Amino acid sequence: MRITNGIVASMVTVALAVGAGALADAAAPVADAATVACGGACMAIGPEEYGLSYVTAVSGGAVTGQGIHLAKAAESASEDFMLRNEGTVAALYKDGLIGASLRFSWPSDEVYEYVYAPDGVASSLCVGVASTATQGAPVSLQPCGSSPRVLWIALSADSIGGFEPLINGSDANDRDPYVLTAGRWASGLTVEQLVLTDGMAATSQIWASWAGVYYPSRQGATPVPTRR
């Protein structure tokens, strides 16, 4: 199955000069992610609503069902994730992993798993939901590769400045899909129906992969578009 494919190792990292926004020298060393141990292989995802300030973090130990929330960006192993590209919606539909409604609506969009990797050690747990996506379902760590519930479709049609909605792979509702949604910074993530206003998604529902040293004490990084 495609879910066992290897982790995407190359992530574009662009450091920003403090207060100036100027691009750093392209020859500069690859920056670390949340922890030095995880380094350039790791990333976290953050919603457009909070910019660089808050990113995804695991609420406790690496166990199935552990909640995922937004935490202040810091050098913390709880913010270490690895991005795994699983291919397109059409390819995963062919493998029997994604439903027909998603295949016909977004066949060419890319599908990802977000693997929890504290201190750079990939666990067998991924960002997902415990059962088929429904309104308000909590997001938690679930076994990687186990079901469409740990797959996330990056919806390129609603991309805004590198941020995109992430539809859960278990969704069968292509009219109002269930997407990863941020609440207040300390609360747990959920999946909610996508909200569009004048054709634009809510800022709490569009996400980007943060690469590089993104926590404020070590400067920051630009958002790397989730769709690769």
C-alpha atoms as a PDB file:
ATOM      1  CA  MET A   1       0.000   0.000   0.000  1.00  0.00           C
ATOM      2  CA  ARG A   2       1.157   3.540  -0.699  1.00  0.00           C
ATOM      3  CA  ILE A   3       0.799   4.446   2.968  1.00  0.00           C
ATOM      4  CA  THR A   4       4.127   2.724   3.635  1.00  0.00           C
ATOM      5  CA  ASN A   5       6.015   5.021   1.246  1.00  0.00           C
ATOM      6  CA  GLY A   6       9.080   6.802   2.597  1.00  0.00           C
ATOM      7  CA  ILE A   7       9.120  10.231   4.208  1.00  0.00           C
ATOM      8  CA  VAL A   8       9.686  13.268   2.027  1.00  0.00           C
ATOM      9  CA  ALA A   9      13.247  14.183   2.972  1.00  0.00           C
ATOM     10  CA  SER A  10      13.772  17.450   1.105  1.00  0.00           C
ATOM     11  CA  MET A  11      12.019  20.504   2.507  1.00  0.00           C
ATOM     12  CA  VAL A  12      12.716  23.986   1.200  1.00  0.00           C
ATOM     13  CA  THR A  13      13.911  26.222   4.048  1.00  0.00           C
ATOM     14  CA  VAL A  14      14.093  30.003   3.728  1.00  0.00           C
ATOM     15  CA  ALA A  15      15.151  31.979   6.800  1.00  0.00           C
ATOM     16  CA  LEU A  16      13.903  35.520   7.328  1.00  0.00           C
ATOM     17  CA  ALA A  17      16.037  38.334   8.625  1.00  0.00           C
ATOM     18  CA  VAL A  18      14.565  39.691  11.858  1.00  0.00           C
ATOM     19  CA  GLY A  19      12.315  42.693  11.163  1.00  0.00           C
ATOM     20  CA  ALA A  20      13.518  43.086   7.593  1.00  0.00           C
ATOM     21  CA  GLY A  21      11.950  40.177   5.738  1.00  0.00           C
ATOM     22  CA  ALA A  22      15.023  39.860   3.522  1.00  0.00           C
ATOM     23  CA  LEU A  23      15.963  36.418   2.284  1.00  0.00           C
ATOM     24  CA  ALA A  24      18.966  34.771   3.933  1.00  0.00           C
ATOM     25  CA  ASP A  25      21.935  33.516   1.931  1.00  0.00           C
ATOM     26  CA  ALA A  26      20.874  30.401  -0.008  1.00  0.00           C
ATOM     27  CA  ALA A  27      24.154  28.724   0.965  1.00  0.00           C
ATOM     28  CA  ALA A  28      23.389  28.978   4.675  1.00  0.00           C
ATOM     29  CA  PRO A  29      23.271  25.691   6.626  1.00  0.00           C
ATOM     30  CA  VAL A  30      19.942  23.896   6.769  1.00  0.00           C
ATOM     31  CA  ALA A  31      18.087  25.073   9.852  1.00  0.00           C
ATOM     32  CA  ASP A  32      16.763  22.829  12.570  1.00  0.00           C
ATOM     33  CA  ALA A  33      13.067  22.191  13.121  1.00  0.00           C
ATOM     34  CA  ALA A  34      11.426  22.128  16.556  1.00  0.00           C
ATOM     35  CA  THR A  35      14.424  20.351  18.092  1.00  0.00           C
ATOM     36  CA  VAL A  36      18.040  20.085  17.017  1.00  0.00           C
ATOM     37  CA  ALA A  37      17.731  16.288  17.172  1.00  0.00           C
ATOM     38  CA  CYS A  38      14.937  16.335  14.595  1.00  0.00           C
ATOM     39  CA  GLY A  39      16.670  18.884  12.384  1.00  0.00           C
ATOM     40  CA  GLY A  40      15.866  19.490   8.735  1.00  0.00           C
ATOM     41  CA  ALA A  41      13.921  16.227   8.378  1.00  0.00           C
ATOM     42  CA  CYS A  42      11.161  17.559  10.608  1.00  0.00           C
ATOM     43  CA  MET A  43       8.408  20.120  10.408  1.00  0.00           C
ATOM     44  CA  ALA A  44       5.175  21.153  12.044  1.00  0.00           C
ATOM     45  CA  ILE A  45       1.988  22.517  10.599  1.00  0.00           C
ATOM     46  CA  GLY A  46       0.438  25.801  11.571  1.00  0.00           C
ATOM     47  CA  PRO A  47      -2.772  27.624  10.627  1.00  0.00           C
ATOM     48  CA  GLU A  48      -2.734  30.951   8.814  1.00  0.00           C
ATOM     49  CA  GLU A  49      -4.710  32.476  11.685  1.00  0.00           C
ATOM     50  CA  TYR A  50      -1.713  32.422  14.036  1.00  0.00           C
ATOM     51  CA  GLY A  51       1.182  32.769  11.604  1.00  0.00           C
ATOM     52  CA  LEU A  52       4.494  31.718  13.155  1.00  0.00           C
ATOM     53  CA  SER A  53       3.266  31.994  16.718  1.00  0.00           C
ATOM     54  CA  TYR A  54       1.571  28.617  17.248  1.00  0.00           C
ATOM     55  CA  VAL A  55       2.061  25.194  15.656  1.00  0.00           C
ATOM     56  CA  THR A  56       0.820  21.644  16.103  1.00  0.00           C
ATOM     57  CA  ALA A  57       1.947  19.801  19.224  1.00  0.00           C
ATOM     58  CA  VAL A  58       1.099  16.527  20.952  1.00  0.00           C
ATOM     59  CA  SER A  59      -0.604  16.971  24.298  1.00  0.00           C
ATOM     60  CA  GLY A  60       1.248  14.141  26.083  1.00  0.00           C
ATOM     61  CA  GLY A  61       3.025  10.857  25.391  1.00  0.00           C
ATOM     62  CA  ALA A  62       3.225   9.025  22.086  1.00  0.00           C
ATOM     63  CA  VAL A  63       0.184   6.803  22.574  1.00  0.00           C
ATOM     64  CA  THR A  64      -2.882   6.171  20.443  1.00  0.00           C
ATOM     65  CA  GLY A  65      -5.621   8.684  21.172  1.00  0.00           C
ATOM     66  CA  GLN A  66      -3.326  11.374  22.538  1.00  0.00           C
ATOM     67  CA  GLY A  67      -4.747  14.775  21.659  1.00  0.00           C
ATOM     68  CA  ILE A  68      -3.127  17.304  19.354  1.00  0.00           C
ATOM     69  CA  HIS A  69      -3.342  21.030  19.989  1.00  0.00           C
ATOM     70  CA  LEU A  70      -1.699  24.317  19.072  1.00  0.00           C
ATOM     71  CA  ALA A  71       1.273  25.313  21.210  1.00  0.00           C
ATOM     72  CA  LYS A  72       3.528  28.335  21.198  1.00  0.00           C
ATOM     73  CA  ALA A  73       6.335  27.637  18.753  1.00  0.00           C
ATOM     74  CA  ALA A  74       9.365  26.521  20.754  1.00  0.00           C
ATOM     75  CA  GLU A  75      12.237  24.051  20.792  1.00  0.00           C
ATOM     76  CA  SER A  76      10.005  21.238  22.008  1.00  0.00           C
ATOM     77  CA  ALA A  77       9.984  17.574  21.006  1.00  0.00           C
ATOM     78  CA  SER A  78       6.184  17.635  21.205  1.00  0.00           C
ATOM     79  CA  GLU A  79       6.234  19.770  18.026  1.00  0.00           C
ATOM     80  CA  ASP A  80       8.390  17.374  15.974  1.00  0.00           C
ATOM     81  CA  PHE A  81       6.600  15.851  12.982  1.00  0.00           C
ATOM     82  CA  MET A  82       7.663  14.354   9.670  1.00  0.00           C
ATOM     83  CA  LEU A  83       5.790  14.812   6.416  1.00  0.00           C
ATOM     84  CA  ARG A  84       4.995  11.695   4.376  1.00  0.00           C
ATOM     85  CA  ASN A  85       3.692  12.153   0.825  1.00  0.00           C
ATOM     86  CA  GLU A  86       1.388   9.281  -0.150  1.00  0.00           C
ATOM     87  CA  GLY A  87       0.559  10.314  -3.720  1.00  0.00           C
ATOM     88  CA  THR A  88      -2.571  11.707  -5.317  1.00  0.00           C
ATOM     89  CA  VAL A  89      -6.212  11.183  -4.403  1.00  0.00           C
ATOM     90  CA  ALA A  90      -6.748   9.291  -7.660  1.00  0.00           C
ATOM     91  CA  ALA A  91      -3.873   6.907  -6.926  1.00  0.00           C
ATOM     92  CA  LEU A  92      -5.087   6.190  -3.408  1.00  0.00           C
ATOM     93  CA  TYR A  93      -8.625   5.676  -4.683  1.00  0.00           C
ATOM     94  CA  LYS A  94      -7.244   3.074  -7.089  1.00  0.00           C
ATOM     95  CA  ASP A  95      -5.626   1.366  -4.089  1.00  0.00           C
ATOM     96  CA  GLY A  96      -8.969   1.316  -2.283  1.00  0.00           C
ATOM     97  CA  LEU A  97      -7.868   3.778   0.411  1.00  0.00           C
ATOM     98  CA  ILE A  98      -9.995   6.817  -0.443  1.00  0.00           C
ATOM     99  CA  GLY A  99     -13.693   7.023  -1.343  1.00  0.00           C
ATOM    100  CA  ALA A 100     -15.197   7.763  -4.733  1.00  0.00           C
ATOM    101  CA  SER A 101     -16.595  11.179  -3.783  1.00  0.00           C
ATOM    102  CA  LEU A 102     -13.112  12.501  -2.976  1.00  0.00           C
ATOM    103  CA  ARG A 103     -11.614  10.877  -6.051  1.00  0.00           C
ATOM    104  CA  PHE A 104     -14.067  12.605  -8.408  1.00  0.00           C
ATOM    105  CA  SER A 105     -13.844  15.987  -6.692  1.00  0.00           C
ATOM    106  CA  TRP A 106     -10.082  16.293  -6.151  1.00  0.00           C
ATOM    107  CA  PRO A 107      -8.315  13.557  -8.183  1.00  0.00           C
ATOM    108  CA  SER A 108      -4.992  15.365  -8.636  1.00  0.00           C
ATOM    109  CA  ASP A 109      -4.555  16.779  -5.127  1.00  0.00           C
ATOM    110  CA  GLU A 110      -1.751  15.372  -2.975  1.00  0.00           C
ATOM    111  CA  VAL A 111      -2.335  13.245   0.113  1.00  0.00           C
ATOM    112  CA  TYR A 112      -0.149  13.282   3.245  1.00  0.00           C
ATOM    113  CA  GLU A 113       0.460  11.676   6.590  1.00  0.00           C
ATOM    114  CA  TYR A 114       1.936  13.682   9.469  1.00  0.00           C
ATOM    115  CA  VAL A 115       4.107  11.339  11.521  1.00  0.00           C
ATOM    116  CA  TYR A 116       4.868  12.188  15.146  1.00  0.00           C
ATOM    117  CA  ALA A 117       8.671  12.116  15.545  1.00  0.00           C
ATOM    118  CA  PRO A 118       9.788  13.479  18.945  1.00  0.00           C
ATOM    119  CA  ASP A 119      13.504  14.313  18.892  1.00  0.00           C
ATOM    120  CA  GLY A 120      13.693  13.012  15.333  1.00  0.00           C
ATOM    121  CA  VAL A 121      12.599   9.440  16.098  1.00  0.00           C
ATOM    122  CA  ALA A 122       9.620   8.562  13.905  1.00  0.00           C
ATOM    123  CA  SER A 123       6.870   6.882  15.866  1.00  0.00           C
ATOM    124  CA  SER A 124       4.179   4.637  14.401  1.00  0.00           C
ATOM    125  CA  LEU A 125       1.567   7.293  15.151  1.00  0.00           C
ATOM    126  CA  CYS A 126       0.150   9.964  12.858  1.00  0.00           C
ATOM    127  CA  VAL A 127      -2.211  12.923  13.033  1.00  0.00           C
ATOM    128  CA  GLY A 128      -5.733  11.595  12.483  1.00  0.00           C
ATOM    129  CA  VAL A 129      -9.206  11.001  13.850  1.00  0.00           C
ATOM    130  CA  ALA A 130     -10.412   7.986  15.815  1.00  0.00           C
ATOM    131  CA  SER A 131     -13.399   7.281  13.553  1.00  0.00           C
ATOM    132  CA  THR A 132     -14.852   8.498  10.267  1.00  0.00           C
ATOM    133  CA  ALA A 133     -14.723  12.295  10.134  1.00  0.00           C
ATOM    134  CA  THR A 134     -17.759  14.071  11.556  1.00  0.00           C
ATOM    135  CA  GLN A 135     -18.449  17.653  12.620  1.00  0.00           C
ATOM    136  CA  GLY A 136     -16.318  18.550  15.635  1.00  0.00           C
ATOM    137  CA  ALA A 137     -14.454  15.218  15.847  1.00  0.00           C
ATOM    138  CA  PRO A 138     -11.240  15.627  17.881  1.00  0.00           C
ATOM    139  CA  VAL A 139      -7.875  15.162  16.196  1.00  0.00           C
ATOM    140  CA  SER A 140      -5.441  12.798  17.897  1.00  0.00           C
ATOM    141  CA  LEU A 141      -2.562  10.409  17.348  1.00  0.00           C
ATOM    142  CA  GLN A 142      -3.658   7.294  15.476  1.00  0.00           C
ATOM    143  CA  PRO A 143      -1.682   4.345  14.035  1.00  0.00           C
ATOM    144  CA  CYS A 144      -0.008   5.362  10.782  1.00  0.00           C
ATOM    145  CA  GLY A 145      -1.058   3.468   7.684  1.00  0.00           C
ATOM    146  CA  SER A 146      -4.078   1.973   9.390  1.00  0.00           C
ATOM    147  CA  SER A 147      -6.911   3.693   7.509  1.00  0.00           C
ATOM    148  CA  PRO A 148      -7.961   6.815   5.576  1.00  0.00           C
ATOM    149  CA  ARG A 149      -8.462   8.486   8.970  1.00  0.00           C
ATOM    150  CA  VAL A 150      -4.742   9.360   9.080  1.00  0.00           C
ATOM    151  CA  LEU A 151      -4.658  10.709   5.520  1.00  0.00           C
ATOM    152  CA  TRP A 152      -4.974  14.425   4.752  1.00  0.00           C
ATOM    153  CA  ILE A 153      -5.750  15.876   1.319  1.00  0.00           C
ATOM    154  CA  ALA A 154      -4.201  19.283   0.585  1.00  0.00           C
ATOM    155  CA  LEU A 155      -6.924  21.196  -1.257  1.00  0.00           C
ATOM    156  CA  SER A 156      -4.942  23.228  -3.791  1.00  0.00           C
ATOM    157  CA  ALA A 157      -7.977  25.021  -5.249  1.00  0.00           C
ATOM    158  CA  ASP A 158      -8.387  26.971  -1.995  1.00  0.00           C
ATOM    159  CA  SER A 159      -4.702  27.747  -1.430  1.00  0.00           C
ATOM    160  CA  ILE A 160      -3.960  31.205  -0.024  1.00  0.00           C
ATOM    161  CA  GLY A 161      -0.322  32.294   0.152  1.00  0.00           C
ATOM    162  CA  GLY A 162       0.927  28.722   0.600  1.00  0.00           C
ATOM    163  CA  PHE A 163      -1.775  27.777   3.126  1.00  0.00           C
ATOM    164  CA  GLU A 164      -4.323  25.111   2.164  1.00  0.00           C
ATOM    165  CA  PRO A 165      -7.274  23.295   3.739  1.00  0.00           C
ATOM    166  CA  LEU A 166      -6.528  19.701   4.776  1.00  0.00           C
ATOM    167  CA  ILE A 167      -9.459  17.324   4.155  1.00  0.00           C
ATOM    168  CA  ASN A 168      -9.483  14.145   6.219  1.00  0.00           C
ATOM    169  CA  GLY A 169      -9.196  11.058   4.021  1.00  0.00           C
ATOM    170  CA  SER A 170     -12.143   9.322   5.673  1.00  0.00           C
ATOM    171  CA  ASP A 171     -14.495  12.074   4.490  1.00  0.00           C
ATOM    172  CA  ALA A 172     -17.393  11.141   2.186  1.00  0.00           C
ATOM    173  CA  ASN A 173     -18.850  14.656   2.056  1.00  0.00           C
ATOM    174  CA  ASP A 174     -17.435  16.402  -1.000  1.00  0.00           C
ATOM    175  CA  ARG A 175     -19.913  19.311  -0.869  1.00  0.00           C
ATOM    176  CA  ASP A 176     -18.882  20.499   2.616  1.00  0.00           C
ATOM    177  CA  PRO A 177     -15.741  18.496   3.404  1.00  0.00           C
ATOM    178  CA  TYR A 178     -14.411  18.023   6.917  1.00  0.00           C
ATOM    179  CA  VAL A 179     -11.070  19.777   7.268  1.00  0.00           C
ATOM    180  CA  LEU A 180      -8.455  20.228   9.984  1.00  0.00           C
ATOM    181  CA  THR A 181      -9.523  23.185  12.126  1.00  0.00           C
ATOM    182  CA  ALA A 182      -7.769  25.184  14.822  1.00  0.00           C
ATOM    183  CA  GLY A 183      -9.580  26.627  17.811  1.00  0.00           C
ATOM    184  CA  ARG A 184      -8.020  28.793  20.494  1.00  0.00           C
ATOM    185  CA  TRP A 185      -4.279  28.262  20.769  1.00  0.00           C
ATOM    186  CA  ALA A 186      -4.394  25.914  23.775  1.00  0.00           C
ATOM    187  CA  SER A 187      -7.424  23.882  22.701  1.00  0.00           C
ATOM    188  CA  GLY A 188      -7.398  20.618  20.809  1.00  0.00           C
ATOM    189  CA  LEU A 189      -7.647  20.468  17.027  1.00  0.00           C
ATOM    190  CA  THR A 190     -10.844  19.201  15.419  1.00  0.00           C
ATOM    191  CA  VAL A 191     -12.268  18.486  11.986  1.00  0.00           C
ATOM    192  CA  GLU A 192     -15.053  20.827  10.927  1.00  0.00           C
ATOM    193  CA  GLN A 193     -16.924  21.475   7.708  1.00  0.00           C
ATOM    194  CA  LEU A 194     -15.006  23.837   5.439  1.00  0.00           C
ATOM    195  CA  VAL A 195     -16.234  27.424   5.728  1.00  0.00           C
ATOM    196  CA  LEU A 196     -15.875  29.607   2.630  1.00  0.00           C
ATOM    197  CA  THR A 197     -16.581  33.336   2.637  1.00  0.00           C
ATOM    198  CA  ASP A 198     -16.419  35.024  -0.759  1.00  0.00           C
ATOM    199  CA  GLY A 199     -14.596  31.941  -1.976  1.00  0.00           C
ATOM    200  CA  MET A 200     -11.927  32.086   0.744  1.00  0.00           C
ATOM    201  CA  ALA A 201     -11.484  29.550   3.533  1.00  0.00           C
ATOM    202  CA  ALA A 202     -11.424  30.582   7.170  1.00  0.00           C
ATOM    203  CA  THR A 203      -7.909  31.318   8.448  1.00  0.00           C
ATOM    204  CA  SER A 204      -8.356  28.645  11.130  1.00  0.00           C
ATOM    205  CA  GLN A 205      -8.837  26.045   8.387  1.00  0.00           C
ATOM    206  CA  ILE A 206      -5.852  26.645   6.099  1.00  0.00           C
ATOM    207  CA  TRP A 207      -2.462  25.196   6.959  1.00  0.00           C
ATOM    208  CA  ALA A 208       1.163  25.183   5.862  1.00  0.00           C
ATOM    209  CA  SER A 209       4.145  23.034   6.709  1.00  0.00           C
ATOM    210  CA  TRP A 210       6.701  24.999   8.738  1.00  0.00           C
ATOM    211  CA  ALA A 211      10.272  24.098   7.893  1.00  0.00           C
ATOM    212  CA  GLY A 212      13.442  25.458   9.454  1.00  0.00           C
ATOM    213  CA  VAL A 213      13.927  27.184  12.795  1.00  0.00           C
ATOM    214  CA  TYR A 214      10.413  28.490  13.220  1.00  0.00           C
ATOM    215  CA  TYR A 215      10.344  29.346  16.921  1.00  0.00           C
ATOM    216  CA  PRO A 216      10.841  33.029  17.710  1.00  0.00           C
ATOM    217  CA  SER A 217      13.958  32.712  19.878  1.00  0.00           C
ATOM    218  CA  ARG A 218      15.879  31.415  16.839  1.00  0.00           C
ATOM    219  CA  GLN A 219      14.227  33.674  14.234  1.00  0.00           C
ATOM    220  CA  GLY A 220      11.671  32.047  11.945  1.00  0.00           C
ATOM    221  CA  ALA A 221      10.946  30.375   8.660  1.00  0.00           C
ATOM    222  CA  THR A 222       8.586  31.013   5.806  1.00  0.00           C
ATOM    223  CA  PRO A 223       5.616  28.687   5.352  1.00  0.00           C
ATOM    224  CA  VAL A 224       6.348  25.881   2.940  1.00  0.00           C
ATOM    225  CA  PRO A 225       3.177  25.033   0.984  1.00  0.00           C
ATOM    226  CA  THR A 226       1.651  21.820   2.243  1.00  0.00           C
ATOM    227  CA  ARG A 227       1.128  20.577  -1.302  1.00  0.00           C
ATOM    228  CA  ARG A 228       4.514  19.388  -2.640  1.00  0.00           C
END
